[in-house]
Amino acid sequence: MQKVVISLNSIDKVKSFVNTISQYDFDFDLISGRYVIDAKSIMGIFSLDLSKPIDLTIHTDEDTTEVMAALEPYIIK
């Protein structure tokens, strides 16, 4: 399991983010306050406050190097 903080502050970012992570078989959760949603659910993402950073949890024991590289545009440093 790996956690990162991401930003999805536009509709285009949300769409490209969902397209990116849908390529992987891992489970992804987005956590915003007390809400936990499936990160592959575009409707779920739009139910969150997208003006704030969101915690992303990747549920896998496999190497996440490729996923992290694909998520680079969304990760907050």
PDB file of N, CA and C in Angstrom:
ATOM      1  N   MET A   1       0.851  -1.181   0.000  1.00  0.00           N
ATOM      2  CA  MET A   1       0.000   0.000   0.000  1.00  0.00           C
ATOM      3  C   MET A   1       0.893   1.240   0.000  1.00  0.00           C
ATOM      4  N   GLN A   2       0.499   2.208  -0.811  1.00  0.00           N
ATOM      5  CA  GLN A   2       1.267   3.453  -0.899  1.00  0.00           C
ATOM      6  C   GLN A   2       0.300   4.625  -0.878  1.00  0.00           C
ATOM      7  N   LYS A   3       0.721   5.705  -0.223  1.00  0.00           N
ATOM      8  CA  LYS A   3      -0.124   6.899  -0.138  1.00  0.00           C
ATOM      9  C   LYS A   3       0.608   8.099  -0.711  1.00  0.00           C
ATOM     10  N   VAL A   4      -0.147   8.928  -1.449  1.00  0.00           N
ATOM     11  CA  VAL A   4       0.376  10.193  -1.972  1.00  0.00           C
ATOM     12  C   VAL A   4      -0.736  11.235  -1.899  1.00  0.00           C
ATOM     13  N   VAL A   5      -0.350  12.491  -1.970  1.00  0.00           N
ATOM     14  CA  VAL A   5      -1.325  13.583  -1.982  1.00  0.00           C
ATOM     15  C   VAL A   5      -1.377  14.115  -3.407  1.00  0.00           C
ATOM     16  N   ILE A   6      -2.609  14.233  -3.935  1.00  0.00           N
ATOM     17  CA  ILE A   6      -2.779  14.675  -5.315  1.00  0.00           C
ATOM     18  C   ILE A   6      -3.717  15.880  -5.386  1.00  0.00           C
ATOM     19  N   SER A   7      -3.725  16.511  -6.548  1.00  0.00           N
ATOM     20  CA  SER A   7      -4.633  17.620  -6.810  1.00  0.00           C
ATOM     21  C   SER A   7      -5.394  17.313  -8.095  1.00  0.00           C
ATOM     22  N   LEU A   8      -6.720  17.426  -8.027  1.00  0.00           N
ATOM     23  CA  LEU A   8      -7.586  17.224  -9.190  1.00  0.00           C
ATOM     24  C   LEU A   8      -8.488  18.449  -9.303  1.00  0.00           C
ATOM     25  N   ASN A   9      -7.896  19.596  -9.637  1.00  0.00           N
ATOM     26  CA  ASN A   9      -8.612  20.859  -9.550  1.00  0.00           C
ATOM     27  C   ASN A   9      -9.264  21.324 -10.851  1.00  0.00           C
ATOM     28  N   SER A  10      -9.435  20.406 -11.818  1.00  0.00           N
ATOM     29  CA  SER A  10     -10.169  20.761 -13.042  1.00  0.00           C
ATOM     30  C   SER A  10     -10.854  19.513 -13.598  1.00  0.00           C
ATOM     31  N   ILE A  11     -11.871  19.740 -14.400  1.00  0.00           N
ATOM     32  CA  ILE A  11     -12.605  18.620 -15.001  1.00  0.00           C
ATOM     33  C   ILE A  11     -11.684  17.786 -15.888  1.00  0.00           C
ATOM     34  N   ASP A  12     -10.838  18.444 -16.665  1.00  0.00           N
ATOM     35  CA  ASP A  12      -9.911  17.721 -17.544  1.00  0.00           C
ATOM     36  C   ASP A  12      -8.938  16.864 -16.748  1.00  0.00           C
ATOM     37  N   LYS A  13      -8.471  17.391 -15.607  1.00  0.00           N
ATOM     38  CA  LYS A  13      -7.564  16.618 -14.755  1.00  0.00           C
ATOM     39  C   LYS A  13      -8.258  15.374 -14.199  1.00  0.00           C
ATOM     40  N   VAL A  14      -9.502  15.524 -13.796  1.00  0.00           N
ATOM     41  CA  VAL A  14     -10.256  14.379 -13.257  1.00  0.00           C
ATOM     42  C   VAL A  14     -10.400  13.314 -14.337  1.00  0.00           C
ATOM     43  N   LYS A  15     -10.785  13.720 -15.550  1.00  0.00           N
ATOM     44  CA  LYS A  15     -10.977  12.757 -16.636  1.00  0.00           C
ATOM     45  C   LYS A  15      -9.673  12.032 -16.975  1.00  0.00           C
ATOM     46  N   SER A  16      -8.591  12.768 -17.105  1.00  0.00           N
ATOM     47  CA  SER A  16      -7.322  12.124 -17.462  1.00  0.00           C
ATOM     48  C   SER A  16      -6.798  11.257 -16.314  1.00  0.00           C
ATOM     49  N   PHE A  17      -7.041  11.674 -15.055  1.00  0.00           N
ATOM     50  CA  PHE A  17      -6.638  10.879 -13.900  1.00  0.00           C
ATOM     51  C   PHE A  17      -7.362   9.523 -13.901  1.00  0.00           C
ATOM     52  N   VAL A  18      -8.674   9.533 -14.102  1.00  0.00           N
ATOM     53  CA  VAL A  18      -9.449   8.288 -14.122  1.00  0.00           C
ATOM     54  C   VAL A  18      -8.992   7.401 -15.278  1.00  0.00           C
ATOM     55  N   ASN A  19      -8.746   7.986 -16.455  1.00  0.00           N
ATOM     56  CA  ASN A  19      -8.248   7.199 -17.593  1.00  0.00           C
ATOM     57  C   ASN A  19      -6.894   6.574 -17.280  1.00  0.00           C
ATOM     58  N   THR A  20      -6.033   7.312 -16.602  1.00  0.00           N
ATOM     59  CA  THR A  20      -4.699   6.811 -16.258  1.00  0.00           C
ATOM     60  C   THR A  20      -4.773   5.639 -15.299  1.00  0.00           C
ATOM     61  N   ILE A  21      -5.493   5.796 -14.180  1.00  0.00           N
ATOM     62  CA  ILE A  21      -5.485   4.726 -13.181  1.00  0.00           C
ATOM     63  C   ILE A  21      -6.346   3.528 -13.585  1.00  0.00           C
ATOM     64  N   SER A  22      -7.260   3.726 -14.521  1.00  0.00           N
ATOM     65  CA  SER A  22      -8.091   2.606 -14.972  1.00  0.00           C
ATOM     66  C   SER A  22      -7.278   1.568 -15.744  1.00  0.00           C
ATOM     67  N   GLN A  23      -6.073   1.927 -16.141  1.00  0.00           N
ATOM     68  CA  GLN A  23      -5.197   0.996 -16.851  1.00  0.00           C
ATOM     69  C   GLN A  23      -4.575  -0.036 -15.913  1.00  0.00           C
ATOM     70  N   TYR A  24      -4.696   0.184 -14.608  1.00  0.00           N
ATOM     71  CA  TYR A  24      -4.063  -0.701 -13.627  1.00  0.00           C
ATOM     72  C   TYR A  24      -5.118  -1.517 -12.879  1.00  0.00           C
ATOM     73  N   ASP A  25      -4.728  -2.736 -12.501  1.00  0.00           N
ATOM     74  CA  ASP A  25      -5.662  -3.623 -11.807  1.00  0.00           C
ATOM     75  C   ASP A  25      -5.715  -3.375 -10.304  1.00  0.00           C
ATOM     76  N   PHE A  26      -4.883  -2.481  -9.795  1.00  0.00           N
ATOM     77  CA  PHE A  26      -4.877  -2.201  -8.364  1.00  0.00           C
ATOM     78  C   PHE A  26      -6.152  -1.485  -7.952  1.00  0.00           C
ATOM     79  N   ASP A  27      -6.437  -1.513  -6.651  1.00  0.00           N
ATOM     80  CA  ASP A  27      -7.520  -0.691  -6.107  1.00  0.00           C
ATOM     81  C   ASP A  27      -6.928   0.643  -5.688  1.00  0.00           C
ATOM     82  N   PHE A  28      -7.630   1.718  -6.008  1.00  0.00           N
ATOM     83  CA  PHE A  28      -7.218   3.074  -5.650  1.00  0.00           C
ATOM     84  C   PHE A  28      -8.346   3.715  -4.856  1.00  0.00           C
ATOM     85  N   ASP A  29      -8.027   4.305  -3.710  1.00  0.00           N
ATOM     86  CA  ASP A  29      -9.014   5.031  -2.918  1.00  0.00           C
ATOM     87  C   ASP A  29      -8.605   6.489  -2.818  1.00  0.00           C
ATOM     88  N   LEU A  30      -9.584   7.375  -2.898  1.00  0.00           N
ATOM     89  CA  LEU A  30      -9.366   8.790  -2.636  1.00  0.00           C
ATOM     90  C   LEU A  30      -9.995   9.104  -1.288  1.00  0.00           C
ATOM     91  N   ILE A  31      -9.241   9.802  -0.447  1.00  0.00           N
ATOM     92  CA  ILE A  31      -9.706  10.127   0.892  1.00  0.00           C
ATOM     93  C   ILE A  31      -9.704  11.640   1.051  1.00  0.00           C
ATOM     94  N   SER A  32     -10.873  12.184   1.345  1.00  0.00           N
ATOM     95  CA  SER A  32     -11.021  13.618   1.562  1.00  0.00           C
ATOM     96  C   SER A  32     -11.874  13.797   2.814  1.00  0.00           C
ATOM     97  N   GLY A  33     -11.232  14.207   3.900  1.00  0.00           N
ATOM     98  CA  GLY A  33     -11.946  14.311   5.172  1.00  0.00           C
ATOM     99  C   GLY A  33     -12.393  12.939   5.621  1.00  0.00           C
ATOM    100  N   ARG A  34     -13.694  12.774   5.835  1.00  0.00           N
ATOM    101  CA  ARG A  34     -14.192  11.473   6.281  1.00  0.00           C
ATOM    102  C   ARG A  34     -14.727  10.630   5.130  1.00  0.00           C
ATOM    103  N   TYR A  35     -14.592  11.115   3.911  1.00  0.00           N
ATOM    104  CA  TYR A  35     -15.085  10.396   2.743  1.00  0.00           C
ATOM    105  C   TYR A  35     -13.977   9.570   2.096  1.00  0.00           C
ATOM    106  N   VAL A  36     -14.299   8.321   1.788  1.00  0.00           N
ATOM    107  CA  VAL A  36     -13.390   7.438   1.063  1.00  0.00           C
ATOM    108  C   VAL A  36     -14.153   6.943  -0.162  1.00  0.00           C
ATOM    109  N   ILE A  37     -13.622   7.212  -1.341  1.00  0.00           N
ATOM    110  CA  ILE A  37     -14.309   6.780  -2.556  1.00  0.00           C
ATOM    111  C   ILE A  37     -13.348   6.020  -3.471  1.00  0.00           C
ATOM    112  N   ASP A  38     -13.918   5.237  -4.369  1.00  0.00           N
ATOM    113  CA  ASP A  38     -13.154   4.511  -5.379  1.00  0.00           C
ATOM    114  C   ASP A  38     -12.610   5.543  -6.371  1.00  0.00           C
ATOM    115  N   ALA A  39     -11.290   5.598  -6.515  1.00  0.00           N
ATOM    116  CA  ALA A  39     -10.674   6.609  -7.375  1.00  0.00           C
ATOM    117  C   ALA A  39     -10.980   6.386  -8.856  1.00  0.00           C
ATOM    118  N   LYS A  40     -11.483   5.220  -9.228  1.00  0.00           N
ATOM    119  CA  LYS A  40     -11.829   4.957 -10.626  1.00  0.00           C
ATOM    120  C   LYS A  40     -13.257   5.411 -10.947  1.00  0.00           C
ATOM    121  N   SER A  41     -13.957   5.938  -9.954  1.00  0.00           N
ATOM    122  CA  SER A  41     -15.333   6.401 -10.136  1.00  0.00           C
ATOM    123  C   SER A  41     -15.340   7.907 -10.394  1.00  0.00           C
ATOM    124  N   ILE A  42     -15.580   8.290 -11.643  1.00  0.00           N
ATOM    125  CA  ILE A  42     -15.565   9.708 -11.987  1.00  0.00           C
ATOM    126  C   ILE A  42     -16.671  10.457 -11.249  1.00  0.00           C
ATOM    127  N   MET A  43     -17.817   9.830 -11.077  1.00  0.00           N
ATOM    128  CA  MET A  43     -18.915  10.469 -10.342  1.00  0.00           C
ATOM    129  C   MET A  43     -18.548  10.630  -8.867  1.00  0.00           C
ATOM    130  N   GLY A  44     -17.880   9.637  -8.309  1.00  0.00           N
ATOM    131  CA  GLY A  44     -17.444   9.725  -6.921  1.00  0.00           C
ATOM    132  C   GLY A  44     -16.471  10.865  -6.711  1.00  0.00           C
ATOM    133  N   ILE A  45     -15.545  11.027  -7.645  1.00  0.00           N
ATOM    134  CA  ILE A  45     -14.557  12.102  -7.541  1.00  0.00           C
ATOM    135  C   ILE A  45     -15.243  13.466  -7.548  1.00  0.00           C
ATOM    136  N   PHE A  46     -16.251  13.629  -8.396  1.00  0.00           N
ATOM    137  CA  PHE A  46     -16.938  14.916  -8.469  1.00  0.00           C
ATOM    138  C   PHE A  46     -17.770  15.208  -7.220  1.00  0.00           C
ATOM    139  N   SER A  47     -17.951  14.204  -6.355  1.00  0.00           N
ATOM    140  CA  SER A  47     -18.668  14.448  -5.096  1.00  0.00           C
ATOM    141  C   SER A  47     -17.737  15.017  -4.020  1.00  0.00           C
ATOM    142  N   LEU A  48     -16.429  15.039  -4.306  1.00  0.00           N
ATOM    143  CA  LEU A  48     -15.450  15.549  -3.344  1.00  0.00           C
ATOM    144  C   LEU A  48     -15.207  17.047  -3.562  1.00  0.00           C
ATOM    145  N   ASP A  49     -14.608  17.676  -2.547  1.00  0.00           N
ATOM    146  CA  ASP A  49     -14.188  19.072  -2.666  1.00  0.00           C
ATOM    147  C   ASP A  49     -12.851  19.084  -3.412  1.00  0.00           C
ATOM    148  N   LEU A  50     -12.900  19.394  -4.696  1.00  0.00           N
ATOM    149  CA  LEU A  50     -11.701  19.311  -5.536  1.00  0.00           C
ATOM    150  C   LEU A  50     -10.800  20.530  -5.424  1.00  0.00           C
ATOM    151  N   SER A  51     -11.202  21.506  -4.620  1.00  0.00           N
ATOM    152  CA  SER A  51     -10.352  22.689  -4.443  1.00  0.00           C
ATOM    153  C   SER A  51      -9.237  22.417  -3.439  1.00  0.00           C
ATOM    154  N   LYS A  52      -9.314  21.298  -2.732  1.00  0.00           N
ATOM    155  CA  LYS A  52      -8.314  20.946  -1.729  1.00  0.00           C
ATOM    156  C   LYS A  52      -7.521  19.718  -2.173  1.00  0.00           C
ATOM    157  N   PRO A  53      -6.309  19.543  -1.639  1.00  0.00           N
ATOM    158  CA  PRO A  53      -5.548  18.325  -1.938  1.00  0.00           C
ATOM    159  C   PRO A  53      -6.307  17.089  -1.432  1.00  0.00           C
ATOM    160  N   ILE A  54      -6.124  15.977  -2.132  1.00  0.00           N
ATOM    161  CA  ILE A  54      -6.809  14.727  -1.811  1.00  0.00           C
ATOM    162  C   ILE A  54      -5.760  13.647  -1.593  1.00  0.00           C
ATOM    163  N   ASP A  55      -5.985  12.794  -0.590  1.00  0.00           N
ATOM    164  CA  ASP A  55      -5.085  11.669  -0.334  1.00  0.00           C
ATOM    165  C   ASP A  55      -5.463  10.510  -1.250  1.00  0.00           C
ATOM    166  N   LEU A  56      -4.475   9.947  -1.929  1.00  0.00           N
ATOM    167  CA  LEU A  56      -4.676   8.782  -2.792  1.00  0.00           C
ATOM    168  C   LEU A  56      -3.953   7.605  -2.167  1.00  0.00           C
ATOM    169  N   THR A  57      -4.673   6.498  -1.982  1.00  0.00           N
ATOM    170  CA  THR A  57      -4.073   5.272  -1.476  1.00  0.00           C
ATOM    171  C   THR A  57      -4.102   4.224  -2.578  1.00  0.00           C
ATOM    172  N   ILE A  58      -2.945   3.631  -2.848  1.00  0.00           N
ATOM    173  CA  ILE A  58      -2.834   2.571  -3.852  1.00  0.00           C
ATOM    174  C   ILE A  58      -2.699   1.258  -3.090  1.00  0.00           C
ATOM    175  N   HIS A  59      -3.638   0.349  -3.315  1.00  0.00           N
ATOM    176  CA  HIS A  59      -3.655  -0.918  -2.593  1.00  0.00           C
ATOM    177  C   HIS A  59      -2.999  -2.012  -3.435  1.00  0.00           C
ATOM    178  N   THR A  60      -1.720  -2.243  -3.193  1.00  0.00           N
ATOM    179  CA  THR A  60      -1.009  -3.311  -3.885  1.00  0.00           C
ATOM    180  C   THR A  60       0.292  -3.609  -3.158  1.00  0.00           C
ATOM    181  N   ASP A  61       0.749  -4.819  -3.304  1.00  0.00           N
ATOM    182  CA  ASP A  61       2.067  -5.192  -2.786  1.00  0.00           C
ATOM    183  C   ASP A  61       3.094  -5.221  -3.914  1.00  0.00           C
ATOM    184  N   GLU A  62       2.635  -4.951  -5.127  1.00  0.00           N
ATOM    185  CA  GLU A  62       3.525  -4.943  -6.289  1.00  0.00           C
ATOM    186  C   GLU A  62       4.307  -3.630  -6.358  1.00  0.00           C
ATOM    187  N   ASP A  63       5.285  -3.589  -7.251  1.00  0.00           N
ATOM    188  CA  ASP A  63       6.086  -2.388  -7.471  1.00  0.00           C
ATOM    189  C   ASP A  63       5.202  -1.296  -8.083  1.00  0.00           C
ATOM    190  N   THR A  64       5.223  -0.111  -7.505  1.00  0.00           N
ATOM    191  CA  THR A  64       4.362   0.983  -7.981  1.00  0.00           C
ATOM    192  C   THR A  64       5.138   2.049  -8.760  1.00  0.00           C
ATOM    193  N   THR A  65       6.356   1.757  -9.163  1.00  0.00           N
ATOM    194  CA  THR A  65       7.180   2.741  -9.872  1.00  0.00           C
ATOM    195  C   THR A  65       6.483   3.252 -11.132  1.00  0.00           C
ATOM    196  N   GLU A  66       5.925   2.336 -11.923  1.00  0.00           N
ATOM    197  CA  GLU A  66       5.253   2.722 -13.170  1.00  0.00           C
ATOM    198  C   GLU A  66       4.008   3.568 -12.885  1.00  0.00           C
ATOM    199  N   VAL A  67       3.238   3.166 -11.882  1.00  0.00           N
ATOM    200  CA  VAL A  67       2.024   3.917 -11.515  1.00  0.00           C
ATOM    201  C   VAL A  67       2.397   5.307 -11.033  1.00  0.00           C
ATOM    202  N   MET A  68       3.411   5.398 -10.183  1.00  0.00           N
ATOM    203  CA  MET A  68       3.822   6.700  -9.652  1.00  0.00           C
ATOM    204  C   MET A  68       4.290   7.623 -10.776  1.00  0.00           C
ATOM    205  N   ALA A  69       4.969   7.075 -11.763  1.00  0.00           N
ATOM    206  CA  ALA A  69       5.411   7.886 -12.904  1.00  0.00           C
ATOM    207  C   ALA A  69       4.198   8.399 -13.687  1.00  0.00           C
ATOM    208  N   ALA A  70       3.180   7.547 -13.860  1.00  0.00           N
ATOM    209  CA  ALA A  70       1.975   7.945 -14.573  1.00  0.00           C
ATOM    210  C   ALA A  70       1.181   8.998 -13.793  1.00  0.00           C
ATOM    211  N   LEU A  71       1.284   8.961 -12.464  1.00  0.00           N
ATOM    212  CA  LEU A  71       0.540   9.893 -11.611  1.00  0.00           C
ATOM    213  C   LEU A  71       1.285  11.205 -11.364  1.00  0.00           C
ATOM    214  N   GLU A  72       2.477  11.313 -11.877  1.00  0.00           N
ATOM    215  CA  GLU A  72       3.329  12.496 -11.634  1.00  0.00           C
ATOM    216  C   GLU A  72       2.619  13.837 -11.865  1.00  0.00           C
ATOM    217  N   PRO A  73       1.802  13.996 -12.924  1.00  0.00           N
ATOM    218  CA  PRO A  73       1.156  15.300 -13.142  1.00  0.00           C
ATOM    219  C   PRO A  73       0.159  15.695 -12.046  1.00  0.00           C
ATOM    220  N   TYR A  74      -0.275  14.738 -11.247  1.00  0.00           N
ATOM    221  CA  TYR A  74      -1.312  15.015 -10.237  1.00  0.00           C
ATOM    222  C   TYR A  74      -0.748  15.131  -8.815  1.00  0.00           C
ATOM    223  N   ILE A  75       0.467  14.628  -8.621  1.00  0.00           N
ATOM    224  CA  ILE A  75       1.049  14.575  -7.275  1.00  0.00           C
ATOM    225  C   ILE A  75       1.512  15.961  -6.834  1.00  0.00           C
ATOM    226  N   ILE A  76       1.173  16.283  -5.586  1.00  0.00           N
ATOM    227  CA  ILE A  76       1.606  17.546  -4.984  1.00  0.00           C
ATOM    228  C   ILE A  76       2.924  17.277  -4.272  1.00  0.00           C
ATOM    229  N   LYS A  77       3.923  18.065  -4.592  1.00  0.00           N
ATOM    230  CA  LYS A  77       5.251  17.875  -3.967  1.00  0.00           C
ATOM    231  C   LYS A  77       5.299  18.528  -2.615  1.00  0.00           C
TER     232      LYS A  77
END
